[in-house]
PDB file of N, CA and C in Angstrom:
ATOM      1  N   MET A   1       0.900  -1.173  -0.124  1.00  0.00           N
ATOM      2  CA  MET A   1       0.176   0.183   0.181  1.00  0.00           C
ATOM      3  C   MET A   1       0.606   1.391   0.046  1.00  0.00           C
ATOM      4  N   THR A   2       0.414   2.159  -0.442  1.00  0.00           N
ATOM      5  CA  THR A   2       1.372   3.541  -0.981  1.00  0.00           C
ATOM      6  C   THR A   2       1.151   4.169   0.206  1.00  0.00           C
ATOM      7  N   SER A   3       1.958   5.066   0.807  1.00  0.00           N
ATOM      8  CA  SER A   3       1.742   6.081   1.651  1.00  0.00           C
ATOM      9  C   SER A   3       1.314   7.195   1.077  1.00  0.00           C
ATOM     10  N   PRO A   4       0.422   8.271   1.723  1.00  0.00           N
ATOM     11  CA  PRO A   4      -0.369   9.466   1.464  1.00  0.00           C
ATOM     12  C   PRO A   4       0.670  10.443   0.907  1.00  0.00           C
ATOM     13  N   SER A   5       1.996  10.146   1.407  1.00  0.00           N
ATOM     14  CA  SER A   5       3.008  11.475   1.045  1.00  0.00           C
ATOM     15  C   SER A   5       3.327  11.223  -0.130  1.00  0.00           C
ATOM     16  N   ILE A   6       3.006  10.233  -1.304  1.00  0.00           N
ATOM     17  CA  ILE A   6       3.810   9.940  -2.271  1.00  0.00           C
ATOM     18  C   ILE A   6       2.805  10.728  -3.095  1.00  0.00           C
ATOM     19  N   PRO A   7       2.798  11.937  -4.033  1.00  0.00           N
ATOM     20  CA  PRO A   7       1.977  11.879  -4.729  1.00  0.00           C
ATOM     21  C   PRO A   7       1.645  10.862  -6.229  1.00  0.00           C
ATOM     22  N   SER A   8       0.185  11.141  -6.272  1.00  0.00           N
ATOM     23  CA  SER A   8       0.059  10.530  -7.596  1.00  0.00           C
ATOM     24  C   SER A   8       0.338  10.954  -8.960  1.00  0.00           C
ATOM     25  N   PRO A   9       0.869  10.044  -9.844  1.00  0.00           N
ATOM     26  CA  PRO A   9       1.115  10.418 -11.049  1.00  0.00           C
ATOM     27  C   PRO A   9       0.436  11.162 -11.871  1.00  0.00           C
ATOM     28  N   ASP A  10      -1.487  10.947 -11.841  1.00  0.00           N
ATOM     29  CA  ASP A  10      -2.478  11.343 -12.563  1.00  0.00           C
ATOM     30  C   ASP A  10      -2.886  12.522 -11.910  1.00  0.00           C
ATOM     31  N   MET A  11      -2.682  13.429 -10.866  1.00  0.00           N
ATOM     32  CA  MET A  11      -2.780  14.533  -9.937  1.00  0.00           C
ATOM     33  C   MET A  11      -1.824  15.259  -9.693  1.00  0.00           C
ATOM     34  N   PRO A  12      -1.936  16.512 -10.881  1.00  0.00           N
ATOM     35  CA  PRO A  12      -0.848  17.749 -11.097  1.00  0.00           C
ATOM     36  C   PRO A  12      -0.069  18.068  -9.614  1.00  0.00           C
ATOM     37  N   ARG A  13       0.681  18.322  -9.376  1.00  0.00           N
ATOM     38  CA  ARG A  13       1.917  19.139  -8.158  1.00  0.00           C
ATOM     39  C   ARG A  13       1.040  20.377  -7.955  1.00  0.00           C
ATOM     40  N   GLY A  14       0.921  20.536  -6.870  1.00  0.00           N
ATOM     41  CA  GLY A  14       0.136  21.804  -6.178  1.00  0.00           C
ATOM     42  C   GLY A  14      -1.407  21.894  -6.629  1.00  0.00           C
ATOM     43  N   SER A  15      -1.695  21.461  -6.869  1.00  0.00           N
ATOM     44  CA  SER A  15      -3.399  21.319  -6.944  1.00  0.00           C
ATOM     45  C   SER A  15      -3.910  20.391  -5.628  1.00  0.00           C
ATOM     46  N   ALA A  16      -4.922  21.038  -4.809  1.00  0.00           N
ATOM     47  CA  ALA A  16      -5.647  19.806  -3.976  1.00  0.00           C
ATOM     48  C   ALA A  16      -6.872  19.162  -5.031  1.00  0.00           C
ATOM     49  N   PRO A  17      -7.228  18.011  -4.770  1.00  0.00           N
ATOM     50  CA  PRO A  17      -8.374  17.142  -5.299  1.00  0.00           C
ATOM     51  C   PRO A  17      -9.750  18.435  -5.210  1.00  0.00           C
ATOM     52  N   PRO A  18     -10.270  18.202  -6.040  1.00  0.00           N
ATOM     53  CA  PRO A  18     -11.660  18.880  -5.647  1.00  0.00           C
ATOM     54  C   PRO A  18     -12.163  18.382  -4.854  1.00  0.00           C
ATOM     55  N   ASN A  19     -12.857  19.186  -3.941  1.00  0.00           N
ATOM     56  CA  ASN A  19     -13.892  18.705  -2.831  1.00  0.00           C
ATOM     57  C   ASN A  19     -15.029  18.264  -3.864  1.00  0.00           C
ATOM     58  N   ARG A  20     -16.404  17.400  -2.924  1.00  0.00           N
ATOM     59  CA  ARG A  20     -17.542  17.022  -3.456  1.00  0.00           C
ATOM     60  C   ARG A  20     -18.282  17.817  -4.271  1.00  0.00           C
ATOM     61  N   GLU A  21     -18.463  19.021  -3.631  1.00  0.00           N
ATOM     62  CA  GLU A  21     -18.669  20.516  -4.358  1.00  0.00           C
ATOM     63  C   GLU A  21     -18.250  20.907  -5.430  1.00  0.00           C
ATOM     64  N   GLU A  22     -17.462  20.760  -5.909  1.00  0.00           N
ATOM     65  CA  GLU A  22     -16.524  21.395  -7.099  1.00  0.00           C
ATOM     66  C   GLU A  22     -16.745  19.737  -7.920  1.00  0.00           C
ATOM     67  N   ARG A  23     -16.712  18.883  -7.340  1.00  0.00           N
ATOM     68  CA  ARG A  23     -16.826  17.863  -8.516  1.00  0.00           C
ATOM     69  C   ARG A  23     -18.374  17.697  -9.132  1.00  0.00           C
ATOM     70  N   LEU A  24     -19.482  18.021  -8.199  1.00  0.00           N
ATOM     71  CA  LEU A  24     -20.631  17.838  -8.257  1.00  0.00           C
ATOM     72  C   LEU A  24     -21.536  18.755  -8.976  1.00  0.00           C
ATOM     73  N   ALA A  25     -20.846  19.859  -9.315  1.00  0.00           N
ATOM     74  CA  ALA A  25     -21.022  21.166  -9.760  1.00  0.00           C
ATOM     75  C   ALA A  25     -20.288  21.577 -11.053  1.00  0.00           C
ATOM     76  N   ALA A  26     -19.526  20.447 -11.586  1.00  0.00           N
ATOM     77  CA  ALA A  26     -18.838  20.260 -12.923  1.00  0.00           C
ATOM     78  C   ALA A  26     -19.447  19.288 -13.239  1.00  0.00           C
ATOM     79  N   LYS A  27     -19.929  18.293 -12.765  1.00  0.00           N
ATOM     80  CA  LYS A  27     -20.811  17.141 -13.221  1.00  0.00           C
ATOM     81  C   LYS A  27     -22.341  17.812 -13.805  1.00  0.00           C
ATOM     82  N   LEU A  28     -22.714  18.568 -12.802  1.00  0.00           N
ATOM     83  CA  LEU A  28     -23.911  19.468 -13.175  1.00  0.00           C
ATOM     84  C   LEU A  28     -23.807  20.091 -14.401  1.00  0.00           C
ATOM     85  N   ARG A  29     -22.975  21.075 -14.547  1.00  0.00           N
ATOM     86  CA  ARG A  29     -22.699  22.006 -16.076  1.00  0.00           C
ATOM     87  C   ARG A  29     -22.225  21.099 -17.037  1.00  0.00           C
ATOM     88  N   GLU A  30     -21.368  19.750 -16.803  1.00  0.00           N
ATOM     89  CA  GLU A  30     -21.610  18.535 -18.048  1.00  0.00           C
ATOM     90  C   GLU A  30     -22.580  18.053 -18.630  1.00  0.00           C
ATOM     91  N   ASN A  31     -23.668  17.900 -17.416  1.00  0.00           N
ATOM     92  CA  ASN A  31     -24.976  17.649 -17.757  1.00  0.00           C
ATOM     93  C   ASN A  31     -25.341  18.561 -18.421  1.00  0.00           C
ATOM     94  N   LEU A  32     -25.654  19.890 -18.039  1.00  0.00           N
ATOM     95  CA  LEU A  32     -26.592  20.651 -18.846  1.00  0.00           C
ATOM     96  C   LEU A  32     -25.984  21.048 -20.486  1.00  0.00           C
ATOM     97  N   ARG A  33     -24.599  21.050 -20.527  1.00  0.00           N
ATOM     98  CA  ARG A  33     -24.267  20.893 -21.841  1.00  0.00           C
ATOM     99  C   ARG A  33     -25.025  19.862 -22.178  1.00  0.00           C
ATOM    100  N   ARG A  34     -24.912  18.576 -22.196  1.00  0.00           N
ATOM    101  CA  ARG A  34     -25.188  17.610 -23.161  1.00  0.00           C
ATOM    102  C   ARG A  34     -26.667  17.901 -23.094  1.00  0.00           C
ATOM    103  N   ARG A  35     -27.486  18.198 -21.882  1.00  0.00           N
ATOM    104  CA  ARG A  35     -28.658  18.035 -22.269  1.00  0.00           C
ATOM    105  C   ARG A  35     -29.200  19.345 -23.390  1.00  0.00           C
ATOM    106  N   LYS A  36     -28.081  20.472 -23.516  1.00  0.00           N
ATOM    107  CA  LYS A  36     -28.547  21.689 -24.293  1.00  0.00           C
ATOM    108  C   LYS A  36     -28.522  20.992 -25.524  1.00  0.00           C
ATOM    109  N   VAL A  37     -27.341  20.777 -26.046  1.00  0.00           N
ATOM    110  CA  VAL A  37     -26.577  19.523 -27.399  1.00  0.00           C
ATOM    111  C   VAL A  37     -27.973  18.696 -27.540  1.00  0.00           C
ATOM    112  N   GLN A  38     -28.485  18.244 -26.951  1.00  0.00           N
ATOM    113  CA  GLN A  38     -29.559  16.729 -26.991  1.00  0.00           C
ATOM    114  C   GLN A  38     -30.945  17.730 -27.413  1.00  0.00           C
ATOM    115  N   ALA A  39     -31.111  18.856 -26.693  1.00  0.00           N
ATOM    116  CA  ALA A  39     -32.462  19.414 -26.996  1.00  0.00           C
ATOM    117  C   ALA A  39     -32.115  20.436 -28.544  1.00  0.00           C
ATOM    118  N   ARG A  40     -31.069  20.910 -28.998  1.00  0.00           N
ATOM    119  CA  ARG A  40     -31.108  21.710 -30.217  1.00  0.00           C
ATOM    120  C   ARG A  40     -31.002  20.484 -31.176  1.00  0.00           C
ATOM    121  N   ALA A  41     -30.656  19.384 -31.143  1.00  0.00           N
ATOM    122  CA  ALA A  41     -30.478  18.161 -31.769  1.00  0.00           C
ATOM    123  C   ALA A  41     -31.736  17.747 -31.921  1.00  0.00           C
ATOM    124  N   LEU A  42     -32.666  17.365 -31.161  1.00  0.00           N
ATOM    125  CA  LEU A  42     -34.138  17.242 -31.678  1.00  0.00           C
ATOM    126  C   LEU A  42     -35.014  18.584 -32.087  1.00  0.00           C
ATOM    127  N   GLY A  43     -34.428  19.855 -32.436  1.00  0.00           N
ATOM    128  CA  GLY A  43     -35.056  20.840 -32.594  1.00  0.00           C
ATOM    129  C   GLY A  43     -35.607  21.338 -31.846  1.00  0.00           C
ATOM    130  N   GLY A  44     -35.785  21.246 -30.493  1.00  0.00           N
ATOM    131  CA  GLY A  44     -36.378  21.980 -29.236  1.00  0.00           C
ATOM    132  C   GLY A  44     -36.065  23.507 -29.431  1.00  0.00           C
ATOM    133  N   THR A  45     -36.553  24.215 -28.869  1.00  0.00           N
ATOM    134  CA  THR A  45     -36.436  25.773 -28.933  1.00  0.00           C
ATOM    135  C   THR A  45     -36.094  26.296 -27.590  1.00  0.00           C
ATOM    136  N   GLY A  46     -37.215  25.390 -26.750  1.00  0.00           N
ATOM    137  CA  GLY A  46     -37.152  26.082 -25.019  1.00  0.00           C
ATOM    138  C   GLY A  46     -36.544  24.937 -24.418  1.00  0.00           C
ATOM    139  N   ASP A  47     -36.826  25.284 -22.735  1.00  0.00           N
ATOM    140  CA  ASP A  47     -35.831  24.250 -22.036  1.00  0.00           C
ATOM    141  C   ASP A  47     -36.779  23.308 -21.792  1.00  0.00           C
ATOM    142  N   GLY A  48     -37.926  23.011 -22.046  1.00  0.00           N
ATOM    143  CA  GLY A  48     -39.134  22.088 -21.559  1.00  0.00           C
ATOM    144  C   GLY A  48     -40.121  22.495 -20.465  1.00  0.00           C
ATOM    145  N   ALA A  49     -39.768  23.763 -19.893  1.00  0.00           N
ATOM    146  CA  ALA A  49     -40.551  24.531 -18.832  1.00  0.00           C
ATOM    147  C   ALA A  49     -41.394  24.881 -19.432  1.00  0.00           C
ATOM    148  N   GLU A  50     -41.256  25.640 -20.166  1.00  0.00           N
ATOM    149  CA  GLU A  50     -41.748  26.698 -21.093  1.00  0.00           C
ATOM    150  C   GLU A  50     -43.199  25.952 -21.578  1.00  0.00           C
ATOM    151  N   GLN A  51     -42.638  25.244 -22.606  1.00  0.00           N
ATOM    152  CA  GLN A  51     -43.411  24.016 -23.168  1.00  0.00           C
ATOM    153  C   GLN A  51     -44.763  23.838 -22.149  1.00  0.00           C
ATOM    154  N   GLY A  52     -44.433  22.913 -21.068  1.00  0.00           N
ATOM    155  CA  GLY A  52     -45.118  22.080 -20.071  1.00  0.00           C
ATOM    156  C   GLY A  52     -46.204  23.250 -19.368  1.00  0.00           C
ATOM    157  N   ALA A  53     -45.594  24.553 -19.090  1.00  0.00           N
ATOM    158  CA  ALA A  53     -46.162  25.565 -18.510  1.00  0.00           C
ATOM    159  C   ALA A  53     -47.262  26.065 -19.336  1.00  0.00           C
ATOM    160  N   ALA A  54     -47.068  26.403 -20.393  1.00  0.00           N
ATOM    161  CA  ALA A  54     -48.381  26.741 -21.398  1.00  0.00           C
ATOM    162  C   ALA A  54     -49.451  25.975 -21.409  1.00  0.00           C
ATOM    163  N   ASP A  55     -49.042  24.654 -21.917  1.00  0.00           N
ATOM    164  CA  ASP A  55     -50.187  23.794 -21.861  1.00  0.00           C
ATOM    165  C   ASP A  55     -50.102  22.329 -20.979  1.00  0.00           C
ATOM    166  N   PRO A  56     -50.460  22.259 -19.717  1.00  0.00           N
ATOM    167  CA  PRO A  56     -49.843  21.360 -18.821  1.00  0.00           C
ATOM    168  C   PRO A  56     -50.590  20.366 -18.942  1.00  0.00           C
ATOM    169  N   ALA A  57     -51.813  20.401 -19.796  1.00  0.00           N
ATOM    170  CA  ALA A  57     -52.478  19.148 -19.967  1.00  0.00           C
ATOM    171  C   ALA A  57     -52.324  18.572 -21.317  1.00  0.00           C
ATOM    172  N   GLY A  58     -51.589  19.450 -22.287  1.00  0.00           N
ATOM    173  CA  GLY A  58     -51.636  18.975 -23.807  1.00  0.00           C
ATOM    174  C   GLY A  58     -52.718  18.754 -24.889  1.00  0.00           C
ATOM    175  N   GLU A  59     -53.562  19.266 -24.054  1.00  0.00           N
ATOM    176  CA  GLU A  59     -54.970  19.279 -24.662  1.00  0.00           C
ATOM    177  C   GLU A  59     -55.532  20.404 -25.653  1.00  0.00           C
ATOM    178  N   SER A  60     -54.669  21.894 -25.494  1.00  0.00           N
ATOM    179  CA  SER A  60     -55.060  23.278 -26.386  1.00  0.00           C
ATOM    180  C   SER A  60     -54.912  23.347 -27.559  1.00  0.00           C
ATOM    181  N   ASP A  61     -55.566  23.315 -28.265  1.00  0.00           N
ATOM    182  CA  ASP A  61     -55.132  23.486 -29.646  1.00  0.00           C
ATOM    183  C   ASP A  61     -54.506  25.015 -30.495  1.00  0.00           C
ATOM    184  N   GLY A  62     -54.520  26.033 -29.209  1.00  0.00           N
ATOM    185  CA  GLY A  62     -54.176  27.014 -29.056  1.00  0.00           C
ATOM    186  C   GLY A  62     -55.840  28.201 -29.794  1.00  0.00           C
ATOM    187  N   ALA A  63     -56.859  27.338 -30.306  1.00  0.00           N
ATOM    188  CA  ALA A  63     -58.231  28.004 -30.157  1.00  0.00           C
ATOM    189  C   ALA A  63     -58.670  28.574 -28.683  1.00  0.00           C
ATOM    190  N   LEU A  64     -59.285  29.936 -28.758  1.00  0.00           N
ATOM    191  CA  LEU A  64     -60.135  29.850 -27.333  1.00  0.00           C
ATOM    192  C   LEU A  64     -61.327  28.935 -27.716  1.00  0.00           C
ATOM    193  N   SER A  65     -61.728  28.766 -26.622  1.00  0.00           N
ATOM    194  CA  SER A  65     -63.321  27.907 -26.616  1.00  0.00           C
ATOM    195  C   SER A  65     -64.510  28.766 -26.377  1.00  0.00           C
ATOM    196  N   LYS A  66     -65.386  28.120 -27.328  1.00  0.00           N
ATOM    197  CA  LYS A  66     -66.574  28.797 -27.106  1.00  0.00           C
ATOM    198  C   LYS A  66     -67.721  28.395 -26.272  1.00  0.00           C
ATOM    199  N   PRO A  67     -68.677  29.707 -25.708  1.00  0.00           N
ATOM    200  CA  PRO A  67     -69.598  29.333 -24.598  1.00  0.00           C
ATOM    201  C   PRO A  67     -70.543  28.419 -25.216  1.00  0.00           C
ATOM    202  N   ASP A  68     -70.882  27.871 -24.217  1.00  0.00           N
ATOM    203  CA  ASP A  68     -72.474  27.090 -24.638  1.00  0.00           C
ATOM    204  C   ASP A  68     -73.183  27.873 -24.803  1.00  0.00           C
ATOM    205  N   PRO A  69     -73.854  27.831 -25.575  1.00  0.00           N
ATOM    206  CA  PRO A  69     -75.144  28.648 -26.302  1.00  0.00           C
ATOM    207  C   PRO A  69     -76.556  28.119 -25.675  1.00  0.00           C
ATOM    208  N   SER A  70     -76.629  26.813 -25.037  1.00  0.00           N
ATOM    209  CA  SER A  70     -77.659  26.367 -24.237  1.00  0.00           C
ATOM    210  C   SER A  70     -77.472  27.329 -22.725  1.00  0.00           C
ATOM    211  N   GLY A  71     -76.770  27.593 -22.300  1.00  0.00           N
ATOM    212  CA  GLY A  71     -76.358  28.435 -21.046  1.00  0.00           C
ATOM    213  C   GLY A  71     -76.557  29.600 -20.479  1.00  0.00           C
TER     214      GLY A  71
END
C-alpha cells in the first residue's frame, strides 16, 4: 500500500483534489451542456419548462373555446 505523502502520477502537483461540491458542480455543468446539445439536435427551442407551463394537459390547440349556447 502506498503512503499518502507520495503524490499520484495522475494528479498535477500543487493542486488539491476537488472537494465534493466542486465535483458535483462540474458534473452538473457537463450534464447541462449535454442536455442543451441534445435539445438542439431534437429541434427544441425552449428548455421544456416553458412548453409544459403553457399547456400542462397537452389538450389545447391554441383556439379559444366558445361559450355553451344553451346556458
